[in-house]
Amino acid sequence: MNFDGEQKQRVSTIEDIIKKFIPPIEGYQKTVIEAMNYSLMAGGKRLRPMLMEETFRLFGGSNWAVLEPFLAAIEMIHTYSLVHDDLPAMDDDEYRRGRKTTHIVYGEAMAILAGDGLLNYAFETAVKAFKMIGSEQANEELADYKRVARAIDILSMKSGIYGMLGGQVVDVEEYNGYIDRKRLDFIYQLKTGALIEAAMMIGAILAGATDEELDTIEEIAGDVGLAFQIKDDILDVTSSAEVLGKPIHSDEKNEKTTYVTLMDVDNADDEVVRISERAIKAYEALPYKNEYLKILINKLITREY
């Protein structure tokens, strides 16, 4: 498999799907819409929609029209979190994905509103999946309605106070102080892991995975998210701003506890290996295969940018 070529093609397809759902820049509120689109279409790896798509494919999903609104919605939620994370009250970063952050371009107030707009519009987009349901068999149609409703439930929970937002809250509370590994894991599992869990779980749900399979996917995704964030800690001190497309040493600047400050780079890297091996072992125990998804999981954890 030519993974890089396949990835480029998948990113392009996801970009096209997102463009189908973004709001037009018009009306008296067009400035906030412009700011939303500036952030959303700034590029990036589109990892979360890609993980959702590949998990959907793993479980043999067939109704791609139902999946598409969720692919766009989860990227909107991820982007809103980045817009708010870059604000002066949070990490106060000037660059994201290789260009000026939203609050630098549009001002702090408009950036807050753009983040709010992306979060709200994500759910406006997700519920459009109900309109994509259609089957000649009444029982199949009812099953699809239940799957979409469950997917929306997962999306809301994993992005809210029991997911990504909750992790950010604890992160902010510990902004200038030392924290132990248990609390740091909690932050990472929610702030980073929860949305990755949502992506893969929604793909599985919409494809018709069983409850037991869904539990396995949640565990895999949780480990991927944790390893991904630890790798982010490492890259913050070993990479460059040019490679990452965002400032380095931001954790040090903000006096944050990370895996690197807890145990040094080499030991943190060992943790990435241990956690990722656990995720791959759980994946390989599934009765289904998606070689691209397996390679993607490995790439996320061993990436250099």
C-alpha atoms as a PDB file:
ATOM      1  CA  MET A   1       0.000   0.000   0.000  1.00  0.00           C
ATOM      2  CA  ASN A   2       1.189   3.507  -0.882  1.00  0.00           C
ATOM      3  CA  PHE A   3       0.064   4.969   2.431  1.00  0.00           C
ATOM      4  CA  ASP A   4       1.098   8.559   1.722  1.00  0.00           C
ATOM      5  CA  GLY A   5      -0.795   8.560  -1.563  1.00  0.00           C
ATOM      6  CA  GLU A   6      -3.851   6.978   0.046  1.00  0.00           C
ATOM      7  CA  GLN A   7      -3.748   9.502   2.884  1.00  0.00           C
ATOM      8  CA  LYS A   8      -3.531  12.447   0.507  1.00  0.00           C
ATOM      9  CA  GLN A   9      -6.547  11.145  -1.394  1.00  0.00           C
ATOM     10  CA  ARG A  10      -8.545  10.614   1.793  1.00  0.00           C
ATOM     11  CA  VAL A  11      -7.730  14.095   3.099  1.00  0.00           C
ATOM     12  CA  SER A  12      -8.885  15.574  -0.213  1.00  0.00           C
ATOM     13  CA  THR A  13     -12.160  13.626  -0.021  1.00  0.00           C
ATOM     14  CA  ILE A  14     -12.761  14.764   3.568  1.00  0.00           C
ATOM     15  CA  GLU A  15     -12.022  18.371   2.592  1.00  0.00           C
ATOM     16  CA  ASP A  16     -14.667  18.130  -0.132  1.00  0.00           C
ATOM     17  CA  ILE A  17     -17.189  16.731   2.372  1.00  0.00           C
ATOM     18  CA  ILE A  18     -16.506  19.527   4.865  1.00  0.00           C
ATOM     19  CA  LYS A  19     -16.960  22.134   2.109  1.00  0.00           C
ATOM     20  CA  LYS A  20     -20.422  20.724   1.436  1.00  0.00           C
ATOM     21  CA  PHE A  21     -21.530  21.634   4.947  1.00  0.00           C
ATOM     22  CA  ILE A  22     -19.796  24.949   5.706  1.00  0.00           C
ATOM     23  CA  PRO A  23     -22.114  27.966   5.843  1.00  0.00           C
ATOM     24  CA  PRO A  24     -21.899  30.620   3.086  1.00  0.00           C
ATOM     25  CA  ILE A  25     -20.262  33.916   4.041  1.00  0.00           C
ATOM     26  CA  GLU A  26     -23.249  36.238   3.840  1.00  0.00           C
ATOM     27  CA  GLY A  27     -25.655  38.282   5.949  1.00  0.00           C
ATOM     28  CA  TYR A  28     -25.011  40.754   8.760  1.00  0.00           C
ATOM     29  CA  GLN A  29     -23.246  37.983  10.694  1.00  0.00           C
ATOM     30  CA  LYS A  30     -20.868  37.221   7.831  1.00  0.00           C
ATOM     31  CA  THR A  31     -17.743  38.225   9.804  1.00  0.00           C
ATOM     32  CA  VAL A  32     -18.142  35.420  12.305  1.00  0.00           C
ATOM     33  CA  ILE A  33     -18.903  32.988   9.472  1.00  0.00           C
ATOM     34  CA  GLU A  34     -15.747  34.128   7.702  1.00  0.00           C
ATOM     35  CA  ALA A  35     -13.766  33.582  10.915  1.00  0.00           C
ATOM     36  CA  MET A  36     -15.313  30.113  11.315  1.00  0.00           C
ATOM     37  CA  ASN A  37     -14.379  29.165   7.765  1.00  0.00           C
ATOM     38  CA  TYR A  38     -10.889  30.658   8.133  1.00  0.00           C
ATOM     39  CA  SER A  39     -10.243  28.301  11.035  1.00  0.00           C
ATOM     40  CA  LEU A  40     -12.028  25.268   9.638  1.00  0.00           C
ATOM     41  CA  MET A  41     -10.396  25.382   6.213  1.00  0.00           C
ATOM     42  CA  ALA A  42      -6.873  26.132   7.465  1.00  0.00           C
ATOM     43  CA  GLY A  43      -5.770  22.638   6.499  1.00  0.00           C
ATOM     44  CA  GLY A  44      -4.540  20.045   8.952  1.00  0.00           C
ATOM     45  CA  LYS A  45      -4.412  16.268   8.893  1.00  0.00           C
ATOM     46  CA  ARG A  46      -8.189  15.745   9.310  1.00  0.00           C
ATOM     47  CA  LEU A  47      -7.337  12.857  11.604  1.00  0.00           C
ATOM     48  CA  ARG A  48     -10.624  12.639  13.488  1.00  0.00           C
ATOM     49  CA  PRO A  49     -12.903  12.428  10.456  1.00  0.00           C
ATOM     50  CA  MET A  50     -10.394  10.043   8.889  1.00  0.00           C
ATOM     51  CA  LEU A  51     -10.473   7.771  11.945  1.00  0.00           C
ATOM     52  CA  MET A  52     -14.274   7.901  11.860  1.00  0.00           C
ATOM     53  CA  GLU A  53     -14.361   7.025   8.175  1.00  0.00           C
ATOM     54  CA  GLU A  54     -11.900   4.158   8.498  1.00  0.00           C
ATOM     55  CA  THR A  55     -13.682   2.667  11.515  1.00  0.00           C
ATOM     56  CA  PHE A  56     -16.940   2.869   9.555  1.00  0.00           C
ATOM     57  CA  ARG A  57     -15.167   1.006   6.757  1.00  0.00           C
ATOM     58  CA  LEU A  58     -13.692  -1.508   9.245  1.00  0.00           C
ATOM     59  CA  PHE A  59     -17.171  -2.612  10.331  1.00  0.00           C
ATOM     60  CA  GLY A  60     -18.555  -2.733   6.806  1.00  0.00           C
ATOM     61  CA  GLY A  61     -20.634   0.440   6.866  1.00  0.00           C
ATOM     62  CA  SER A  62     -22.562   1.147   3.684  1.00  0.00           C
ATOM     63  CA  ASN A  63     -24.677   4.309   4.093  1.00  0.00           C
ATOM     64  CA  TRP A  64     -21.973   6.904   3.461  1.00  0.00           C
ATOM     65  CA  ALA A  65     -24.528   9.707   3.162  1.00  0.00           C
ATOM     66  CA  VAL A  66     -25.431   9.252   6.836  1.00  0.00           C
ATOM     67  CA  LEU A  67     -21.757   9.309   7.817  1.00  0.00           C
ATOM     68  CA  GLU A  68     -20.836  12.523   5.986  1.00  0.00           C
ATOM     69  CA  PRO A  69     -22.507  15.038   8.348  1.00  0.00           C
ATOM     70  CA  PHE A  70     -20.624  13.483  11.270  1.00  0.00           C
ATOM     71  CA  LEU A  71     -17.310  13.680   9.399  1.00  0.00           C
ATOM     72  CA  ALA A  72     -17.815  17.426   9.025  1.00  0.00           C
ATOM     73  CA  ALA A  73     -19.242  17.907  12.518  1.00  0.00           C
ATOM     74  CA  ILE A  74     -16.344  16.324  14.382  1.00  0.00           C
ATOM     75  CA  GLU A  75     -13.821  18.471  12.505  1.00  0.00           C
ATOM     76  CA  MET A  76     -15.872  21.559  13.400  1.00  0.00           C
ATOM     77  CA  ILE A  77     -15.759  20.606  17.075  1.00  0.00           C
ATOM     78  CA  HIS A  78     -12.027  19.913  16.935  1.00  0.00           C
ATOM     79  CA  THR A  79     -11.427  23.263  15.212  1.00  0.00           C
ATOM     80  CA  TYR A  80     -13.515  25.172  17.755  1.00  0.00           C
ATOM     81  CA  SER A  81     -11.387  23.679  20.522  1.00  0.00           C
ATOM     82  CA  LEU A  82      -8.214  24.865  18.774  1.00  0.00           C
ATOM     83  CA  VAL A  83      -9.582  28.387  18.278  1.00  0.00           C
ATOM     84  CA  HIS A  84     -10.370  28.668  21.982  1.00  0.00           C
ATOM     85  CA  ASP A  85      -7.156  26.920  23.027  1.00  0.00           C
ATOM     86  CA  ASP A  86      -5.119  29.572  21.173  1.00  0.00           C
ATOM     87  CA  LEU A  87      -6.823  32.494  22.944  1.00  0.00           C
ATOM     88  CA  PRO A  88      -4.832  34.789  25.276  1.00  0.00           C
ATOM     89  CA  ALA A  89      -6.750  33.381  28.258  1.00  0.00           C
ATOM     90  CA  MET A  90      -5.582  29.880  27.338  1.00  0.00           C
ATOM     91  CA  ASP A  91      -2.263  29.188  25.529  1.00  0.00           C
ATOM     92  CA  ASP A  92      -1.984  32.614  23.838  1.00  0.00           C
ATOM     93  CA  ASP A  93      -0.522  31.230  20.597  1.00  0.00           C
ATOM     94  CA  GLU A  94      -0.022  33.265  17.431  1.00  0.00           C
ATOM     95  CA  TYR A  95       0.291  30.435  14.907  1.00  0.00           C
ATOM     96  CA  ARG A  96      -1.765  27.341  14.150  1.00  0.00           C
ATOM     97  CA  ARG A  97      -1.419  25.055  11.133  1.00  0.00           C
ATOM     98  CA  GLY A  98       1.293  27.330   9.782  1.00  0.00           C
ATOM     99  CA  ARG A  99      -0.634  30.589   9.796  1.00  0.00           C
ATOM    100  CA  LYS A 100      -1.907  33.287  12.147  1.00  0.00           C
ATOM    101  CA  THR A 101      -4.428  32.086  14.709  1.00  0.00           C
ATOM    102  CA  THR A 102      -8.031  33.246  14.562  1.00  0.00           C
ATOM    103  CA  HIS A 103      -7.818  35.762  17.407  1.00  0.00           C
ATOM    104  CA  ILE A 104      -4.759  37.399  15.834  1.00  0.00           C
ATOM    105  CA  VAL A 105      -6.601  37.873  12.527  1.00  0.00           C
ATOM    106  CA  TYR A 106     -10.112  38.660  13.742  1.00  0.00           C
ATOM    107  CA  GLY A 107      -9.635  39.819  17.323  1.00  0.00           C
ATOM    108  CA  GLU A 108     -10.283  38.025  20.589  1.00  0.00           C
ATOM    109  CA  ALA A 109     -14.039  38.653  20.779  1.00  0.00           C
ATOM    110  CA  MET A 110     -14.675  37.427  17.230  1.00  0.00           C
ATOM    111  CA  ALA A 111     -12.484  34.368  17.835  1.00  0.00           C
ATOM    112  CA  ILE A 112     -14.564  33.439  20.880  1.00  0.00           C
ATOM    113  CA  LEU A 113     -17.725  33.811  18.809  1.00  0.00           C
ATOM    114  CA  ALA A 114     -16.197  31.841  15.926  1.00  0.00           C
ATOM    115  CA  GLY A 115     -15.435  28.980  18.297  1.00  0.00           C
ATOM    116  CA  ASP A 116     -18.963  29.137  19.690  1.00  0.00           C
ATOM    117  CA  GLY A 117     -20.304  29.227  16.147  1.00  0.00           C
ATOM    118  CA  LEU A 118     -18.340  26.146  15.106  1.00  0.00           C
ATOM    119  CA  LEU A 119     -19.558  24.183  18.115  1.00  0.00           C
ATOM    120  CA  ASN A 120     -23.189  25.063  17.506  1.00  0.00           C
ATOM    121  CA  TYR A 121     -22.935  24.538  13.770  1.00  0.00           C
ATOM    122  CA  ALA A 122     -21.370  21.137  14.341  1.00  0.00           C
ATOM    123  CA  PHE A 123     -24.597  19.907  15.879  1.00  0.00           C
ATOM    124  CA  GLU A 124     -26.687  21.657  13.233  1.00  0.00           C
ATOM    125  CA  THR A 125     -24.638  19.622  10.770  1.00  0.00           C
ATOM    126  CA  ALA A 126     -24.761  16.307  12.640  1.00  0.00           C
ATOM    127  CA  VAL A 127     -28.568  16.262  12.849  1.00  0.00           C
ATOM    128  CA  LYS A 128     -28.709  16.478   9.058  1.00  0.00           C
ATOM    129  CA  ALA A 129     -27.813  12.780   9.125  1.00  0.00           C
ATOM    130  CA  PHE A 130     -31.456  12.055   9.964  1.00  0.00           C
ATOM    131  CA  LYS A 131     -32.411  13.391   6.520  1.00  0.00           C
ATOM    132  CA  MET A 132     -30.019  10.938   4.872  1.00  0.00           C
ATOM    133  CA  ILE A 133     -31.816   7.892   6.239  1.00  0.00           C
ATOM    134  CA  GLY A 134     -33.866   5.964   3.768  1.00  0.00           C
ATOM    135  CA  SER A 135     -34.725   2.292   3.451  1.00  0.00           C
ATOM    136  CA  GLU A 136     -37.469   0.219   1.902  1.00  0.00           C
ATOM    137  CA  GLN A 137     -37.480  -1.940   5.023  1.00  0.00           C
ATOM    138  CA  ALA A 138     -39.127  -0.260   8.027  1.00  0.00           C
ATOM    139  CA  ASN A 139     -37.045  -2.201  10.551  1.00  0.00           C
ATOM    140  CA  GLU A 140     -33.790  -1.165   8.836  1.00  0.00           C
ATOM    141  CA  GLU A 141     -34.895   2.470   8.763  1.00  0.00           C
ATOM    142  CA  LEU A 142     -35.694   2.391  12.484  1.00  0.00           C
ATOM    143  CA  ALA A 143     -32.269   0.878  13.205  1.00  0.00           C
ATOM    144  CA  ASP A 144     -30.606   3.701  11.260  1.00  0.00           C
ATOM    145  CA  TYR A 145     -32.560   6.330  13.209  1.00  0.00           C
ATOM    146  CA  LYS A 146     -31.428   4.761  16.474  1.00  0.00           C
ATOM    147  CA  ARG A 147     -27.817   4.659  15.314  1.00  0.00           C
ATOM    148  CA  VAL A 148     -27.814   8.332  14.337  1.00  0.00           C
ATOM    149  CA  ALA A 149     -29.403   9.297  17.655  1.00  0.00           C
ATOM    150  CA  ARG A 150     -26.806   7.284  19.546  1.00  0.00           C
ATOM    151  CA  ALA A 151     -24.013   8.840  17.489  1.00  0.00           C
ATOM    152  CA  ILE A 152     -25.246  12.340  18.374  1.00  0.00           C
ATOM    153  CA  ASP A 153     -25.353  11.316  22.027  1.00  0.00           C
ATOM    154  CA  ILE A 154     -21.715  10.160  21.858  1.00  0.00           C
ATOM    155  CA  LEU A 155     -20.662  13.318  20.017  1.00  0.00           C
ATOM    156  CA  SER A 156     -22.239  15.586  22.624  1.00  0.00           C
ATOM    157  CA  MET A 157     -20.939  13.668  25.644  1.00  0.00           C
ATOM    158  CA  LYS A 158     -17.376  13.265  24.361  1.00  0.00           C
ATOM    159  CA  SER A 159     -17.109  16.967  23.505  1.00  0.00           C
ATOM    160  CA  GLY A 160     -18.683  18.259  26.723  1.00  0.00           C
ATOM    161  CA  ILE A 161     -17.972  18.360  30.455  1.00  0.00           C
ATOM    162  CA  TYR A 162     -17.476  14.574  30.602  1.00  0.00           C
ATOM    163  CA  GLY A 163     -15.124  14.703  27.625  1.00  0.00           C
ATOM    164  CA  MET A 164     -12.954  17.264  25.861  1.00  0.00           C
ATOM    165  CA  LEU A 165     -14.261  20.327  27.702  1.00  0.00           C
ATOM    166  CA  GLY A 166     -13.879  18.602  31.059  1.00  0.00           C
ATOM    167  CA  GLY A 167     -10.244  17.838  30.298  1.00  0.00           C
ATOM    168  CA  GLN A 168      -9.629  21.454  29.363  1.00  0.00           C
ATOM    169  CA  VAL A 169     -11.191  22.599  32.635  1.00  0.00           C
ATOM    170  CA  VAL A 170      -8.774  20.506  34.702  1.00  0.00           C
ATOM    171  CA  ASP A 171      -5.896  21.652  32.495  1.00  0.00           C
ATOM    172  CA  VAL A 172      -6.739  25.305  33.127  1.00  0.00           C
ATOM    173  CA  GLU A 173      -7.140  24.766  36.860  1.00  0.00           C
ATOM    174  CA  GLU A 174      -3.653  23.273  37.022  1.00  0.00           C
ATOM    175  CA  TYR A 175      -2.214  25.913  34.712  1.00  0.00           C
ATOM    176  CA  ASN A 176       0.719  27.014  36.900  1.00  0.00           C
ATOM    177  CA  GLY A 177       1.155  24.086  39.225  1.00  0.00           C
ATOM    178  CA  TYR A 178       2.677  20.616  39.364  1.00  0.00           C
ATOM    179  CA  ILE A 179       0.297  17.703  38.905  1.00  0.00           C
ATOM    180  CA  ASP A 180       0.844  13.991  39.269  1.00  0.00           C
ATOM    181  CA  ARG A 181       0.605  11.427  36.498  1.00  0.00           C
ATOM    182  CA  LYS A 182      -2.891  10.233  37.424  1.00  0.00           C
ATOM    183  CA  ARG A 183      -4.327  13.724  37.019  1.00  0.00           C
ATOM    184  CA  LEU A 184      -2.304  14.341  33.855  1.00  0.00           C
ATOM    185  CA  ASP A 185      -3.662  11.130  32.338  1.00  0.00           C
ATOM    186  CA  PHE A 186      -7.173  12.305  33.207  1.00  0.00           C
ATOM    187  CA  ILE A 187      -6.553  15.574  31.347  1.00  0.00           C
ATOM    188  CA  TYR A 188      -5.130  13.817  28.300  1.00  0.00           C
ATOM    189  CA  GLN A 189      -7.799  11.119  28.189  1.00  0.00           C
ATOM    190  CA  LEU A 190     -10.507  13.775  28.133  1.00  0.00           C
ATOM    191  CA  LYS A 191      -8.928  16.749  26.405  1.00  0.00           C
ATOM    192  CA  THR A 192      -7.376  14.731  23.563  1.00  0.00           C
ATOM    193  CA  GLY A 193      -8.655  11.179  23.850  1.00  0.00           C
ATOM    194  CA  ALA A 194     -12.380  11.863  24.124  1.00  0.00           C
ATOM    195  CA  LEU A 195     -12.793  13.325  20.643  1.00  0.00           C
ATOM    196  CA  ILE A 196     -10.738  10.514  19.106  1.00  0.00           C
ATOM    197  CA  GLU A 197     -12.983   8.084  20.985  1.00  0.00           C
ATOM    198  CA  ALA A 198     -16.028   9.899  19.602  1.00  0.00           C
ATOM    199  CA  ALA A 199     -14.686   9.690  16.058  1.00  0.00           C
ATOM    200  CA  MET A 200     -14.033   5.965  16.102  1.00  0.00           C
ATOM    201  CA  MET A 201     -17.126   5.090  18.134  1.00  0.00           C
ATOM    202  CA  ILE A 202     -19.425   7.026  15.795  1.00  0.00           C
ATOM    203  CA  GLY A 203     -17.900   5.259  12.799  1.00  0.00           C
ATOM    204  CA  ALA A 204     -18.527   1.933  14.508  1.00  0.00           C
ATOM    205  CA  ILE A 205     -22.070   2.812  15.615  1.00  0.00           C
ATOM    206  CA  LEU A 206     -23.181   3.992  12.170  1.00  0.00           C
ATOM    207  CA  ALA A 207     -21.740   0.817  10.611  1.00  0.00           C
ATOM    208  CA  GLY A 208     -23.746  -1.384  12.994  1.00  0.00           C
ATOM    209  CA  ALA A 209     -21.069  -2.574  15.433  1.00  0.00           C
ATOM    210  CA  THR A 210     -22.202  -4.508  18.506  1.00  0.00           C
ATOM    211  CA  ASP A 211     -21.984  -3.083  22.029  1.00  0.00           C
ATOM    212  CA  GLU A 212     -19.020  -5.335  22.798  1.00  0.00           C
ATOM    213  CA  GLU A 213     -17.213  -4.178  19.658  1.00  0.00           C
ATOM    214  CA  LEU A 214     -17.999  -0.582  20.551  1.00  0.00           C
ATOM    215  CA  ASP A 215     -16.386  -1.030  23.967  1.00  0.00           C
ATOM    216  CA  THR A 216     -13.250  -2.379  22.291  1.00  0.00           C
ATOM    217  CA  ILE A 217     -13.143   0.561  19.885  1.00  0.00           C
ATOM    218  CA  GLU A 218     -13.475   2.988  22.783  1.00  0.00           C
ATOM    219  CA  GLU A 219     -10.502   1.363  24.535  1.00  0.00           C
ATOM    220  CA  ILE A 220      -8.396   1.426  21.366  1.00  0.00           C
ATOM    221  CA  ALA A 221      -9.255   5.046  20.676  1.00  0.00           C
ATOM    222  CA  GLY A 222      -8.544   6.032  24.270  1.00  0.00           C
ATOM    223  CA  ASP A 223      -5.061   4.552  24.042  1.00  0.00           C
ATOM    224  CA  VAL A 224      -4.468   6.196  20.670  1.00  0.00           C
ATOM    225  CA  GLY A 225      -5.492   9.555  22.135  1.00  0.00           C
ATOM    226  CA  LEU A 226      -3.240   9.183  25.170  1.00  0.00           C
ATOM    227  CA  ALA A 227      -0.233   8.095  23.111  1.00  0.00           C
ATOM    228  CA  PHE A 228      -0.931  10.876  20.604  1.00  0.00           C
ATOM    229  CA  GLN A 229      -0.869  13.537  23.342  1.00  0.00           C
ATOM    230  CA  ILE A 230       2.294  12.176  24.967  1.00  0.00           C
ATOM    231  CA  LYS A 231       3.926  12.277  21.520  1.00  0.00           C
ATOM    232  CA  ASP A 232       2.761  15.891  21.281  1.00  0.00           C
ATOM    233  CA  ASP A 233       4.602  16.609  24.550  1.00  0.00           C
ATOM    234  CA  ILE A 234       7.758  15.125  23.076  1.00  0.00           C
ATOM    235  CA  LEU A 235       7.504  17.027  19.803  1.00  0.00           C
ATOM    236  CA  ASP A 236       7.025  20.282  21.706  1.00  0.00           C
ATOM    237  CA  VAL A 237      10.635  19.999  22.875  1.00  0.00           C
ATOM    238  CA  THR A 238      12.260  18.033  20.041  1.00  0.00           C
ATOM    239  CA  SER A 239      10.711  19.461  16.857  1.00  0.00           C
ATOM    240  CA  SER A 240      10.625  22.924  15.278  1.00  0.00           C
ATOM    241  CA  ALA A 241       7.913  25.506  14.642  1.00  0.00           C
ATOM    242  CA  GLU A 242       8.454  25.129  10.897  1.00  0.00           C
ATOM    243  CA  VAL A 243       7.792  21.384  11.021  1.00  0.00           C
ATOM    244  CA  LEU A 244       4.872  21.515  13.454  1.00  0.00           C
ATOM    245  CA  GLY A 245       3.210  24.619  12.014  1.00  0.00           C
ATOM    246  CA  LYS A 246       2.773  26.028  15.539  1.00  0.00           C
ATOM    247  CA  PRO A 247       5.071  27.376  18.276  1.00  0.00           C
ATOM    248  CA  ILE A 248       7.325  24.963  20.151  1.00  0.00           C
ATOM    249  CA  HIS A 249       8.162  25.078  23.861  1.00  0.00           C
ATOM    250  CA  SER A 250       4.652  26.418  24.513  1.00  0.00           C
ATOM    251  CA  ASP A 251       4.242  23.975  27.403  1.00  0.00           C
ATOM    252  CA  GLU A 252       7.389  25.335  29.018  1.00  0.00           C
ATOM    253  CA  LYS A 253       6.247  28.911  28.391  1.00  0.00           C
ATOM    254  CA  ASN A 254       2.936  28.189  30.094  1.00  0.00           C
ATOM    255  CA  GLU A 255       4.624  26.241  32.923  1.00  0.00           C
ATOM    256  CA  LYS A 256       2.630  23.110  32.166  1.00  0.00           C
ATOM    257  CA  THR A 257       3.303  19.682  33.561  1.00  0.00           C
ATOM    258  CA  THR A 258       3.753  17.189  30.711  1.00  0.00           C
ATOM    259  CA  TYR A 259       5.066  13.657  30.344  1.00  0.00           C
ATOM    260  CA  VAL A 260       8.436  15.170  29.439  1.00  0.00           C
ATOM    261  CA  THR A 261       8.604  17.178  32.671  1.00  0.00           C
ATOM    262  CA  LEU A 262       7.421  14.160  34.650  1.00  0.00           C
ATOM    263  CA  MET A 263       9.854  11.590  33.273  1.00  0.00           C
ATOM    264  CA  ASP A 264      12.127  13.023  30.514  1.00  0.00           C
ATOM    265  CA  VAL A 265      11.929  12.492  26.739  1.00  0.00           C
ATOM    266  CA  ASP A 266      13.257   8.925  26.557  1.00  0.00           C
ATOM    267  CA  ASN A 267      10.906   7.560  29.211  1.00  0.00           C
ATOM    268  CA  ALA A 268       7.990   9.440  27.699  1.00  0.00           C
ATOM    269  CA  ASP A 269       8.816   7.845  24.355  1.00  0.00           C
ATOM    270  CA  ASP A 270       8.794   4.423  26.039  1.00  0.00           C
ATOM    271  CA  GLU A 271       5.294   5.163  27.308  1.00  0.00           C
ATOM    272  CA  VAL A 272       4.144   5.979  23.788  1.00  0.00           C
ATOM    273  CA  VAL A 273       5.454   2.607  22.601  1.00  0.00           C
ATOM    274  CA  ARG A 274       3.830   0.703  25.482  1.00  0.00           C
ATOM    275  CA  ILE A 275       0.418   2.347  25.079  1.00  0.00           C
ATOM    276  CA  SER A 276       0.425   2.086  21.293  1.00  0.00           C
ATOM    277  CA  GLU A 277       1.322  -1.613  21.407  1.00  0.00           C
ATOM    278  CA  ARG A 278      -1.664  -2.172  23.687  1.00  0.00           C
ATOM    279  CA  ALA A 279      -3.921  -0.372  21.198  1.00  0.00           C
ATOM    280  CA  ILE A 280      -2.632  -2.399  18.250  1.00  0.00           C
ATOM    281  CA  LYS A 281      -3.024  -5.676  20.164  1.00  0.00           C
ATOM    282  CA  ALA A 282      -6.678  -4.835  20.916  1.00  0.00           C
ATOM    283  CA  TYR A 283      -7.233  -3.861  17.286  1.00  0.00           C
ATOM    284  CA  GLU A 284      -5.769  -7.119  16.004  1.00  0.00           C
ATOM    285  CA  ALA A 285      -8.124  -9.081  18.258  1.00  0.00           C
ATOM    286  CA  LEU A 286     -11.104  -7.751  16.287  1.00  0.00           C
ATOM    287  CA  PRO A 287     -12.521 -10.128  13.656  1.00  0.00           C
ATOM    288  CA  TYR A 288     -12.380  -7.385  11.003  1.00  0.00           C
ATOM    289  CA  LYS A 289      -9.436  -5.839   9.200  1.00  0.00           C
ATOM    290  CA  ASN A 290      -8.655  -2.465   7.680  1.00  0.00           C
ATOM    291  CA  GLU A 291      -4.957  -2.292   6.855  1.00  0.00           C
ATOM    292  CA  TYR A 292      -5.055   1.441   6.227  1.00  0.00           C
ATOM    293  CA  LEU A 293      -6.555   2.062   9.679  1.00  0.00           C
ATOM    294  CA  LYS A 294      -3.860  -0.047  11.343  1.00  0.00           C
ATOM    295  CA  ILE A 295      -1.083   1.862   9.582  1.00  0.00           C
ATOM    296  CA  LEU A 296      -2.797   5.173  10.362  1.00  0.00           C
ATOM    297  CA  ILE A 297      -2.891   4.382  14.080  1.00  0.00           C
ATOM    298  CA  ASN A 298       0.826   3.572  13.984  1.00  0.00           C
ATOM    299  CA  LYS A 299       1.591   6.740  12.036  1.00  0.00           C
ATOM    300  CA  LEU A 300      -0.277   8.941  14.502  1.00  0.00           C
ATOM    301  CA  ILE A 301       1.801   7.649  17.364  1.00  0.00           C
ATOM    302  CA  THR A 302       5.195   7.592  15.631  1.00  0.00           C
ATOM    303  CA  ARG A 303       4.758  10.892  13.761  1.00  0.00           C
ATOM    304  CA  GLU A 304       7.414  13.601  13.703  1.00  0.00           C
ATOM    305  CA  TYR A 305       5.009  16.501  13.168  1.00  0.00           C
END
